[in-house]
């Protein structure tokens, strides 16, 4: 088994976040995607490479494109495949953000958490999203 890389960690973070947001167990998604639960666990921890075919099956069952899993860029044709947390949606209303800005903010948080945290992630409040936006606004 190879060491984790930043790219694999980003893919892992997206898969795990989407699976949890959809309320799927690791075992259920693995079964749907026709891969072992142990292998999916390694993928979600950024420890194993995943082939294009297997990544496509995982993406299909998560309702996103493989491009989203690889890059974090949502597919405009996917029609709402990315789930925006309720607190972020509320913050976006207060901040008058466009959909694209909201997605960039969400991606920025995912990237930050993936790089800086080894602990369990908690769901951010509206106030935390607003504070985060104000800190990263020049970079969006």
Protein backbone atom coordinates (compact mmCIF):
# COMPACT_ATOMS: atom_id res chain seq x y z
CA UNK A 1 0.00 0.00 0.00
CA UNK A 2 1.42 3.42 -1.01
CA UNK A 3 1.60 6.51 1.14
CA UNK A 4 -1.20 9.03 0.87
CA UNK A 5 -0.75 11.93 -1.59
CA UNK A 6 -2.48 15.33 -1.53
CA UNK A 7 -4.45 14.43 -4.67
CA UNK A 8 -5.66 11.14 -3.22
CA UNK A 9 -6.55 12.90 0.03
CA UNK A 10 -8.71 15.40 -1.87
CA UNK A 11 -10.52 12.61 -3.74
CA UNK A 12 -10.89 10.70 -0.48
CA UNK A 13 -12.39 13.75 1.26
CA UNK A 14 -14.94 14.29 -1.50
CA UNK A 15 -16.02 10.64 -1.57
CA UNK A 16 -16.34 10.46 2.22
CA UNK A 17 -18.20 13.77 2.48
CA UNK A 18 -20.66 12.84 -0.27
CA UNK A 19 -21.23 9.36 1.14
CA UNK A 20 -21.96 10.79 4.59
CA UNK A 21 -24.16 13.57 3.19
CA UNK A 22 -26.25 10.94 1.42
CA UNK A 23 -26.48 8.87 4.60
CA UNK A 24 -24.79 5.86 3.01
CA UNK A 25 -22.71 3.44 5.04
CA UNK A 26 -19.30 2.55 3.74
CA UNK A 27 -20.48 -1.05 3.28
CA UNK A 28 -23.57 0.02 1.32
CA UNK A 29 -21.64 2.25 -1.10
CA UNK A 30 -18.99 -0.44 -1.54
CA UNK A 31 -21.65 -3.02 -2.36
CA UNK A 32 -23.39 -0.68 -4.82
CA UNK A 33 -20.06 0.11 -6.48
CA UNK A 34 -19.01 -3.54 -6.66
CA UNK A 35 -15.83 -3.07 -4.61
CA UNK A 36 -14.89 -4.39 -1.17
CA UNK A 37 -15.64 -2.30 1.91
CA UNK A 38 -11.99 -2.58 2.96
CA UNK A 39 -10.82 -1.19 -0.37
CA UNK A 40 -13.34 1.66 -0.22
CA UNK A 41 -12.13 2.44 3.29
CA UNK A 42 -8.56 2.66 1.98
CA UNK A 43 -9.73 4.94 -0.83
CA UNK A 44 -11.59 7.17 1.65
CA UNK A 45 -8.46 7.47 3.76
CA UNK A 46 -6.34 8.36 0.72
CA UNK A 47 -4.25 5.22 1.08
CA UNK A 48 -5.10 3.45 -2.18
CA UNK A 49 -5.19 4.48 -5.80
CA UNK A 50 -8.51 3.89 -7.54
CA UNK A 51 -8.92 2.93 -11.18
CA UNK A 52 -11.04 5.03 -13.49
CA UNK A 53 -13.64 2.27 -13.81
CA UNK A 54 -14.05 1.90 -10.05
CA UNK A 55 -14.06 5.66 -9.52
CA UNK A 56 -16.80 5.96 -12.16
CA UNK A 57 -18.93 3.38 -10.31
CA UNK A 58 -18.46 5.20 -7.01
CA UNK A 59 -19.30 8.55 -8.65
CA UNK A 60 -22.43 7.09 -10.25
CA UNK A 61 -23.75 5.85 -6.90
CA UNK A 62 -22.92 9.16 -5.23
CA UNK A 63 -24.73 11.06 -7.98
CA UNK A 64 -21.74 13.09 -9.15
CA UNK A 65 -19.31 13.01 -12.06
CA UNK A 66 -15.84 11.54 -11.89
CA UNK A 67 -14.59 15.02 -12.74
CA UNK A 68 -16.12 16.30 -9.51
CA UNK A 69 -14.43 13.55 -7.48
CA UNK A 70 -11.09 14.24 -9.18
CA UNK A 71 -11.12 18.03 -9.27
CA UNK A 72 -13.90 19.31 -7.03
CA UNK A 73 -15.39 21.22 -9.97
CA UNK A 74 -19.12 20.55 -10.21
CA UNK A 75 -20.60 19.60 -13.56
CA UNK A 76 -23.16 22.29 -14.49
CA UNK A 77 -25.11 19.65 -16.42
CA UNK A 78 -25.35 17.44 -13.34
CA UNK A 79 -28.37 19.37 -12.15
CA UNK A 80 -27.75 19.73 -8.44
CA UNK A 81 -25.50 16.75 -7.88
CA UNK A 82 -23.58 18.62 -5.18
CA UNK A 83 -25.39 18.97 -1.87
CA UNK A 84 -24.91 22.32 -0.15
CA UNK A 85 -25.15 22.18 3.65
CA UNK A 86 -28.15 24.05 5.09
CA UNK A 87 -25.99 26.40 7.17
CA UNK A 88 -23.95 27.33 4.09
CA UNK A 89 -27.12 27.95 2.13
CA UNK A 90 -28.32 30.31 4.85
CA UNK A 91 -24.95 32.08 4.96
CA UNK A 92 -25.00 32.44 1.16
CA UNK A 93 -28.37 34.20 1.40
CA UNK A 94 -27.03 36.64 4.01
CA UNK A 95 -23.86 37.26 1.98
CA UNK A 96 -25.79 37.43 -1.32
CA UNK A 97 -23.50 34.83 -2.94
CA UNK A 98 -24.09 33.34 -6.35
CA UNK A 99 -24.31 29.56 -6.74
CA UNK A 100 -20.77 29.48 -8.17
CA UNK A 101 -19.42 31.53 -5.26
CA UNK A 102 -21.17 29.22 -2.80
CA UNK A 103 -19.62 26.16 -4.44
CA UNK A 104 -16.16 27.76 -4.35
CA UNK A 105 -16.61 28.56 -0.66
CA UNK A 106 -17.68 24.99 0.06
CA UNK A 107 -14.71 23.67 -1.91
CA UNK A 108 -12.37 25.99 -0.04
CA UNK A 109 -13.59 24.65 3.28
CA UNK A 110 -13.22 21.05 2.09
CA UNK A 111 -9.69 21.75 0.93
CA UNK A 112 -8.76 23.48 4.19
CA UNK A 113 -10.20 20.75 6.38
CA UNK A 114 -8.57 18.00 4.30
CA UNK A 115 -5.16 19.64 4.66
CA UNK A 116 -5.33 20.83 8.26
CA UNK A 117 -7.36 18.36 10.26
CA UNK A 118 -6.91 14.83 11.51
CA UNK A 119 -9.94 15.02 13.79
CA UNK A 120 -13.59 14.38 13.09
CA UNK A 121 -15.28 17.14 11.15
CA UNK A 122 -18.26 18.98 12.63
CA UNK A 123 -20.99 20.65 10.61
CA UNK A 124 -20.32 24.38 10.41
CA UNK A 125 -22.90 26.90 11.56
CA UNK A 126 -24.13 29.81 9.45
CA UNK A 127 -21.93 32.15 11.50
CA UNK A 128 -18.84 29.99 10.92
CA UNK A 129 -19.51 30.02 7.15
CA UNK A 130 -19.89 33.82 7.18
CA UNK A 131 -16.66 34.23 9.18
CA UNK A 132 -14.82 31.86 6.82
CA UNK A 133 -16.12 33.75 3.78
CA UNK A 134 -14.92 37.07 5.15
CA UNK A 135 -11.45 35.59 5.70
CA UNK A 136 -11.11 34.02 2.25
CA UNK A 137 -13.14 36.48 0.16
CA UNK A 138 -10.06 38.01 -1.51
CA UNK A 139 -9.01 34.56 -2.71
CA UNK A 140 -12.32 33.48 -4.22
